[in-house]
């Protein structure tokens, strides 16, 4: 195992972009096998090669900057997924409403019957059933 440690010494290793390239390559290979397109299977080696190049590269500053740009690009999708996951987890115990005047998202506990809701942002009152 020492030879592997010595070989990887000073190399970039894996990061989010490398893992995304690897997953994309696997998905592309799976789809190519599913629809029986050998050309697509060959194209799936491109992201795999990029992934290996990034992992074995010794230019850490350039690879880190590429990963940083990828993280900025993917952050809106990641935050939307986290928000959707939290919304799904809270849906068992809470109801979500939008304020009719300012469109703020309000979270209220379930099972309170018909109540008057006051928006904390614009102080608009409206009635809803929870």
N, C-alpha and C. Protein backbone atom coordinates (compact mmCIF):
# COMPACT_ATOMS: atom_id res chain seq x y z
N UNK A 1 0.81 -1.19 0.00
CA UNK A 1 0.00 0.00 0.00
C UNK A 1 0.86 1.26 0.00
N UNK A 2 2.13 1.11 0.37
CA UNK A 2 3.03 2.25 0.38
C UNK A 2 3.26 2.81 -1.02
N UNK A 3 3.28 1.95 -2.03
CA UNK A 3 3.50 2.41 -3.38
C UNK A 3 2.36 3.30 -3.85
N UNK A 4 1.12 2.99 -3.42
CA UNK A 4 -0.02 3.81 -3.80
C UNK A 4 0.05 5.16 -3.09
N UNK A 5 0.42 5.16 -1.83
CA UNK A 5 0.56 6.41 -1.08
C UNK A 5 1.65 7.28 -1.73
N UNK A 6 2.74 6.67 -2.11
CA UNK A 6 3.82 7.43 -2.76
C UNK A 6 3.39 7.95 -4.13
N UNK A 7 2.63 7.13 -4.87
CA UNK A 7 2.17 7.53 -6.20
C UNK A 7 1.21 8.72 -6.10
N UNK A 8 0.29 8.69 -5.13
CA UNK A 8 -0.71 9.74 -5.01
C UNK A 8 -0.20 10.98 -4.27
N UNK A 9 0.99 10.94 -3.76
CA UNK A 9 1.55 12.07 -3.04
C UNK A 9 1.67 13.29 -3.96
N UNK A 10 1.06 14.40 -3.55
CA UNK A 10 1.10 15.63 -4.34
C UNK A 10 0.07 15.70 -5.44
N UNK A 11 -0.74 14.68 -5.60
CA UNK A 11 -1.77 14.69 -6.64
C UNK A 11 -3.06 15.26 -6.07
N UNK A 12 -3.95 15.66 -6.96
CA UNK A 12 -5.17 16.36 -6.54
C UNK A 12 -6.17 15.45 -5.84
N UNK A 13 -6.39 14.27 -6.34
CA UNK A 13 -7.38 13.37 -5.74
C UNK A 13 -8.79 13.70 -6.20
N UNK A 14 -9.77 13.17 -5.49
CA UNK A 14 -11.16 13.37 -5.93
C UNK A 14 -11.77 14.59 -5.25
N UNK A 15 -12.72 15.21 -5.95
CA UNK A 15 -13.50 16.31 -5.42
C UNK A 15 -14.90 16.22 -6.03
N UNK A 16 -15.73 17.24 -5.82
CA UNK A 16 -17.11 17.18 -6.30
C UNK A 16 -17.19 17.09 -7.82
N UNK A 17 -16.37 17.84 -8.52
CA UNK A 17 -16.41 17.81 -9.98
C UNK A 17 -15.97 16.45 -10.51
N UNK A 18 -14.94 15.87 -9.91
CA UNK A 18 -14.49 14.54 -10.34
C UNK A 18 -15.58 13.50 -10.11
N UNK A 19 -16.24 13.58 -8.97
CA UNK A 19 -17.31 12.62 -8.69
C UNK A 19 -18.50 12.82 -9.63
N UNK A 20 -18.81 14.08 -9.97
CA UNK A 20 -19.90 14.35 -10.91
C UNK A 20 -19.55 13.80 -12.30
N UNK A 21 -18.30 13.95 -12.72
CA UNK A 21 -17.87 13.40 -14.00
C UNK A 21 -17.95 11.87 -14.00
N UNK A 22 -17.57 11.27 -12.89
CA UNK A 22 -17.62 9.81 -12.78
C UNK A 22 -19.07 9.31 -12.83
N UNK A 23 -19.95 9.96 -12.11
CA UNK A 23 -21.37 9.57 -12.11
C UNK A 23 -21.97 9.77 -13.50
N UNK A 24 -21.62 10.89 -14.15
CA UNK A 24 -22.12 11.15 -15.50
C UNK A 24 -21.64 10.08 -16.47
N UNK A 25 -20.41 9.64 -16.33
CA UNK A 25 -19.86 8.59 -17.19
C UNK A 25 -20.60 7.27 -16.98
N UNK A 26 -20.87 6.93 -15.73
CA UNK A 26 -21.59 5.68 -15.43
C UNK A 26 -23.01 5.73 -15.98
N UNK A 27 -23.69 6.86 -15.81
CA UNK A 27 -25.06 7.01 -16.33
C UNK A 27 -25.06 6.92 -17.85
N UNK A 28 -24.10 7.58 -18.48
CA UNK A 28 -24.00 7.53 -19.94
C UNK A 28 -23.75 6.11 -20.43
N UNK A 29 -22.90 5.37 -19.74
CA UNK A 29 -22.63 3.98 -20.11
C UNK A 29 -23.89 3.13 -19.95
N UNK A 30 -24.61 3.34 -18.86
CA UNK A 30 -25.83 2.58 -18.61
C UNK A 30 -26.88 2.85 -19.69
N UNK A 31 -27.05 4.12 -20.04
CA UNK A 31 -28.03 4.48 -21.08
C UNK A 31 -27.59 3.90 -22.43
N UNK A 32 -26.30 3.93 -22.72
CA UNK A 32 -25.79 3.39 -23.99
C UNK A 32 -26.06 1.89 -24.07
N UNK A 33 -25.88 1.18 -22.98
CA UNK A 33 -26.15 -0.26 -22.97
C UNK A 33 -27.65 -0.54 -23.08
N UNK A 34 -28.44 0.33 -22.44
CA UNK A 34 -29.88 0.14 -22.43
C UNK A 34 -30.49 0.32 -23.82
N UNK A 35 -30.04 1.34 -24.55
CA UNK A 35 -30.59 1.60 -25.89
C UNK A 35 -29.72 1.02 -27.00
N UNK A 36 -28.66 0.32 -26.63
CA UNK A 36 -27.78 -0.38 -27.55
C UNK A 36 -27.15 0.57 -28.59
N UNK A 37 -26.52 1.63 -28.08
CA UNK A 37 -25.79 2.57 -28.93
C UNK A 37 -24.30 2.50 -28.58
N UNK A 38 -23.50 1.80 -29.38
CA UNK A 38 -22.07 1.67 -29.05
C UNK A 38 -21.32 3.00 -29.13
N UNK A 39 -21.78 3.93 -29.97
CA UNK A 39 -21.11 5.22 -30.07
C UNK A 39 -21.26 6.03 -28.78
N UNK A 40 -22.44 5.93 -28.17
CA UNK A 40 -22.67 6.61 -26.89
C UNK A 40 -21.82 5.98 -25.79
N UNK A 41 -21.62 4.68 -25.87
CA UNK A 41 -20.76 4.00 -24.90
C UNK A 41 -19.32 4.49 -25.04
N UNK A 42 -18.89 4.73 -26.26
CA UNK A 42 -17.54 5.28 -26.47
C UNK A 42 -17.44 6.71 -25.94
N UNK A 43 -18.50 7.49 -26.14
CA UNK A 43 -18.50 8.87 -25.63
C UNK A 43 -18.48 8.92 -24.10
N UNK A 44 -18.94 7.86 -23.47
CA UNK A 44 -18.96 7.85 -22.00
C UNK A 44 -17.56 7.76 -21.41
N UNK A 45 -16.57 7.40 -22.23
CA UNK A 45 -15.19 7.35 -21.74
C UNK A 45 -14.58 8.74 -21.61
N UNK A 46 -15.14 9.74 -22.27
CA UNK A 46 -14.59 11.09 -22.20
C UNK A 46 -14.69 11.66 -20.78
N UNK A 47 -15.89 11.67 -20.15
CA UNK A 47 -15.92 12.18 -18.77
C UNK A 47 -15.12 11.31 -17.80
N UNK A 48 -15.03 10.01 -18.07
CA UNK A 48 -14.21 9.14 -17.23
C UNK A 48 -12.73 9.51 -17.34
N UNK A 49 -12.28 9.79 -18.55
CA UNK A 49 -10.89 10.21 -18.75
C UNK A 49 -10.61 11.55 -18.09
N UNK A 50 -11.56 12.48 -18.19
CA UNK A 50 -11.40 13.77 -17.52
C UNK A 50 -11.34 13.60 -16.00
N UNK A 51 -12.16 12.70 -15.49
CA UNK A 51 -12.16 12.43 -14.06
C UNK A 51 -10.80 11.89 -13.62
N UNK A 52 -10.27 10.93 -14.34
CA UNK A 52 -8.96 10.37 -14.00
C UNK A 52 -7.85 11.42 -14.14
N UNK A 53 -7.93 12.24 -15.19
CA UNK A 53 -6.94 13.30 -15.36
C UNK A 53 -6.95 14.25 -14.18
N UNK A 54 -8.15 14.65 -13.74
CA UNK A 54 -8.26 15.57 -12.61
C UNK A 54 -7.73 14.94 -11.33
N UNK A 55 -8.04 13.66 -11.12
CA UNK A 55 -7.62 13.00 -9.89
C UNK A 55 -6.10 12.80 -9.83
N UNK A 56 -5.47 12.58 -10.98
CA UNK A 56 -4.04 12.31 -11.01
C UNK A 56 -3.20 13.56 -11.27
N UNK A 57 -3.85 14.69 -11.46
CA UNK A 57 -3.13 15.93 -11.76
C UNK A 57 -2.36 16.43 -10.53
N UNK A 58 -1.21 17.03 -10.78
CA UNK A 58 -0.42 17.63 -9.70
C UNK A 58 -0.61 19.15 -9.65
N UNK A 59 -1.38 19.70 -10.57
CA UNK A 59 -1.66 21.13 -10.58
C UNK A 59 -2.87 21.39 -9.68
N UNK A 60 -2.64 21.40 -8.38
CA UNK A 60 -3.74 21.49 -7.41
C UNK A 60 -4.48 22.81 -7.48
N UNK A 61 -3.79 23.91 -7.72
CA UNK A 61 -4.46 25.21 -7.74
C UNK A 61 -5.46 25.30 -8.90
N UNK A 62 -5.07 24.81 -10.06
CA UNK A 62 -5.98 24.86 -11.21
C UNK A 62 -7.18 23.94 -11.01
N UNK A 63 -6.95 22.73 -10.48
CA UNK A 63 -8.05 21.80 -10.23
C UNK A 63 -8.99 22.34 -9.15
N UNK A 64 -8.45 22.99 -8.14
CA UNK A 64 -9.28 23.58 -7.09
C UNK A 64 -10.13 24.70 -7.64
N UNK A 65 -9.57 25.52 -8.54
CA UNK A 65 -10.35 26.60 -9.15
C UNK A 65 -11.46 26.04 -10.03
N UNK A 66 -11.19 24.96 -10.77
CA UNK A 66 -12.23 24.32 -11.58
C UNK A 66 -13.35 23.79 -10.68
N UNK A 67 -12.98 23.18 -9.56
CA UNK A 67 -13.97 22.65 -8.64
C UNK A 67 -14.79 23.78 -8.01
N UNK A 68 -14.14 24.91 -7.71
CA UNK A 68 -14.82 26.07 -7.14
C UNK A 68 -15.87 26.61 -8.12
N UNK A 69 -15.51 26.72 -9.39
CA UNK A 69 -16.45 27.20 -10.40
C UNK A 69 -17.62 26.22 -10.57
N UNK A 70 -17.32 24.93 -10.50
CA UNK A 70 -18.38 23.92 -10.57
C UNK A 70 -19.31 24.04 -9.37
N UNK A 71 -18.75 24.27 -8.19
CA UNK A 71 -19.57 24.40 -6.98
C UNK A 71 -20.48 25.61 -7.07
N UNK A 72 -19.98 26.72 -7.61
CA UNK A 72 -20.81 27.91 -7.79
C UNK A 72 -21.94 27.62 -8.79
N UNK A 73 -21.63 26.89 -9.85
CA UNK A 73 -22.62 26.57 -10.87
C UNK A 73 -23.71 25.65 -10.31
N UNK A 74 -23.33 24.70 -9.47
CA UNK A 74 -24.26 23.69 -8.99
C UNK A 74 -24.98 24.10 -7.69
N UNK A 75 -24.53 25.17 -7.03
CA UNK A 75 -25.11 25.54 -5.74
C UNK A 75 -26.61 25.87 -5.78
N UNK A 76 -27.16 26.53 -6.82
CA UNK A 76 -28.61 26.74 -6.82
C UNK A 76 -29.40 25.43 -6.87
N UNK A 77 -28.91 24.46 -7.60
CA UNK A 77 -29.58 23.16 -7.68
C UNK A 77 -29.49 22.46 -6.34
N UNK A 78 -28.32 22.52 -5.71
CA UNK A 78 -28.12 21.88 -4.41
C UNK A 78 -29.01 22.51 -3.35
N UNK A 79 -29.10 23.85 -3.33
CA UNK A 79 -29.94 24.50 -2.33
C UNK A 79 -31.42 24.20 -2.58
N UNK A 80 -31.84 24.12 -3.84
CA UNK A 80 -33.23 23.77 -4.14
C UNK A 80 -33.54 22.35 -3.66
N UNK A 81 -32.61 21.41 -3.88
CA UNK A 81 -32.82 20.04 -3.41
C UNK A 81 -32.90 19.97 -1.89
N UNK A 82 -32.04 20.71 -1.19
CA UNK A 82 -32.07 20.72 0.27
C UNK A 82 -33.38 21.32 0.78
N UNK A 83 -33.85 22.40 0.13
CA UNK A 83 -35.09 23.04 0.53
C UNK A 83 -36.27 22.10 0.29
N UNK A 84 -36.27 21.41 -0.83
CA UNK A 84 -37.33 20.45 -1.14
C UNK A 84 -37.32 19.29 -0.17
N UNK A 85 -36.13 18.83 0.22
CA UNK A 85 -36.02 17.74 1.19
C UNK A 85 -36.56 18.18 2.54
N UNK A 86 -36.22 19.39 2.97
CA UNK A 86 -36.71 19.90 4.25
C UNK A 86 -38.23 20.07 4.21
N UNK A 87 -38.74 20.56 3.08
CA UNK A 87 -40.18 20.72 2.92
C UNK A 87 -40.90 19.36 3.01
N UNK A 88 -40.32 18.34 2.40
CA UNK A 88 -40.92 17.01 2.43
C UNK A 88 -40.88 16.43 3.85
N UNK A 89 -39.81 16.69 4.57
CA UNK A 89 -39.71 16.19 5.95
C UNK A 89 -40.71 16.89 6.87
N UNK A 90 -40.91 18.20 6.66
CA UNK A 90 -41.84 18.96 7.49
C UNK A 90 -43.29 18.78 7.09
N UNK A 91 -43.56 18.19 5.94
CA UNK A 91 -44.94 18.08 5.46
C UNK A 91 -45.78 17.14 6.33
N UNK A 92 -45.15 16.30 7.13
CA UNK A 92 -45.91 15.41 8.02
C UNK A 92 -46.53 16.18 9.18
N UNK A 93 -45.85 17.22 9.63
CA UNK A 93 -46.31 17.94 10.83
C UNK A 93 -46.74 19.37 10.55
N UNK A 94 -46.44 19.91 9.37
CA UNK A 94 -46.73 21.31 9.08
C UNK A 94 -47.39 21.47 7.71
N UNK A 95 -48.10 22.59 7.56
CA UNK A 95 -48.67 23.00 6.27
C UNK A 95 -47.95 24.25 5.82
N UNK A 96 -47.82 24.43 4.52
CA UNK A 96 -47.12 25.58 3.97
C UNK A 96 -48.11 26.44 3.19
N UNK A 97 -48.05 27.74 3.41
CA UNK A 97 -48.91 28.70 2.72
C UNK A 97 -48.06 29.84 2.18
N UNK A 98 -48.60 30.52 1.16
CA UNK A 98 -47.97 31.72 0.65
C UNK A 98 -48.84 32.91 1.02
N UNK A 99 -48.19 33.99 1.45
CA UNK A 99 -48.90 35.21 1.77
C UNK A 99 -49.48 35.78 0.47
N UNK A 100 -50.75 36.17 0.46
CA UNK A 100 -51.36 36.67 -0.79
C UNK A 100 -50.78 38.02 -1.25
N UNK A 101 -50.20 38.80 -0.34
CA UNK A 101 -49.70 40.12 -0.77
C UNK A 101 -48.20 40.12 -1.08
N UNK A 102 -47.39 39.45 -0.26
CA UNK A 102 -45.94 39.52 -0.50
C UNK A 102 -45.33 38.19 -0.95
N UNK A 103 -46.14 37.13 -1.06
CA UNK A 103 -45.71 35.79 -1.50
C UNK A 103 -44.65 35.15 -0.61
N UNK A 104 -44.60 35.57 0.66
CA UNK A 104 -43.68 34.93 1.60
C UNK A 104 -44.20 33.53 1.92
N UNK A 105 -43.28 32.60 2.11
CA UNK A 105 -43.66 31.23 2.42
C UNK A 105 -43.80 31.09 3.93
N UNK A 106 -44.97 30.64 4.37
CA UNK A 106 -45.26 30.51 5.79
C UNK A 106 -45.47 29.05 6.15
N UNK A 107 -44.92 28.65 7.30
CA UNK A 107 -45.02 27.26 7.76
C UNK A 107 -45.84 27.26 9.05
N UNK A 108 -46.94 26.49 9.04
CA UNK A 108 -47.83 26.43 10.20
C UNK A 108 -48.07 24.98 10.60
N UNK A 109 -48.27 24.71 11.90
CA UNK A 109 -48.52 23.34 12.33
C UNK A 109 -49.86 22.82 11.84
N UNK A 110 -49.91 21.53 11.54
CA UNK A 110 -51.15 20.91 11.08
C UNK A 110 -52.11 20.71 12.25
N UNK A 111 -53.39 20.60 11.91
CA UNK A 111 -54.40 20.22 12.88
C UNK A 111 -54.91 21.33 13.77
N UNK A 112 -54.77 22.58 13.40
CA UNK A 112 -55.25 23.70 14.21
C UNK A 112 -56.62 24.20 13.74
N UNK A 113 -57.17 23.60 12.69
CA UNK A 113 -58.46 24.03 12.18
C UNK A 113 -58.32 25.30 11.35
N UNK A 114 -59.43 26.07 11.25
CA UNK A 114 -59.40 27.31 10.49
C UNK A 114 -58.86 28.41 11.39
N UNK A 115 -57.76 29.01 10.95
CA UNK A 115 -57.13 30.05 11.76
C UNK A 115 -56.85 31.28 10.91
N UNK A 116 -56.64 32.40 11.58
CA UNK A 116 -56.26 33.63 10.90
C UNK A 116 -54.73 33.74 11.00
N UNK A 117 -54.12 33.83 9.85
CA UNK A 117 -52.66 33.86 9.76
C UNK A 117 -52.22 35.30 9.53
N UNK A 118 -51.22 35.74 10.29
CA UNK A 118 -50.64 37.06 10.10
C UNK A 118 -49.24 36.88 9.53
N UNK A 119 -49.00 37.45 8.38
CA UNK A 119 -47.69 37.35 7.74
C UNK A 119 -46.68 38.16 8.55
N UNK A 120 -45.55 37.56 8.93
CA UNK A 120 -44.56 38.30 9.72
C UNK A 120 -43.83 39.39 8.93
N UNK A 121 -43.85 39.30 7.60
CA UNK A 121 -43.15 40.30 6.80
C UNK A 121 -43.99 41.54 6.53
N UNK A 122 -45.23 41.32 6.05
CA UNK A 122 -46.04 42.47 5.64
C UNK A 122 -47.25 42.70 6.55
N UNK A 123 -47.44 41.86 7.56
CA UNK A 123 -48.53 41.97 8.55
C UNK A 123 -49.92 41.84 7.94
N UNK A 124 -50.04 41.20 6.79
CA UNK A 124 -51.33 40.93 6.17
C UNK A 124 -51.98 39.75 6.87
N UNK A 125 -53.28 39.85 7.14
CA UNK A 125 -54.00 38.76 7.77
C UNK A 125 -54.89 38.06 6.75
N UNK A 126 -54.90 36.72 6.80
CA UNK A 126 -55.76 35.94 5.93
C UNK A 126 -56.10 34.65 6.66
N UNK A 127 -57.24 34.07 6.30
CA UNK A 127 -57.72 32.86 6.98
C UNK A 127 -57.46 31.62 6.11
N UNK A 128 -57.00 30.59 6.75
CA UNK A 128 -56.75 29.30 6.08
C UNK A 128 -57.05 28.18 7.04
N UNK A 129 -57.31 26.99 6.49
CA UNK A 129 -57.52 25.79 7.30
C UNK A 129 -56.23 24.97 7.31
N UNK A 130 -55.77 24.64 8.52
CA UNK A 130 -54.56 23.84 8.63
C UNK A 130 -54.95 22.42 8.94
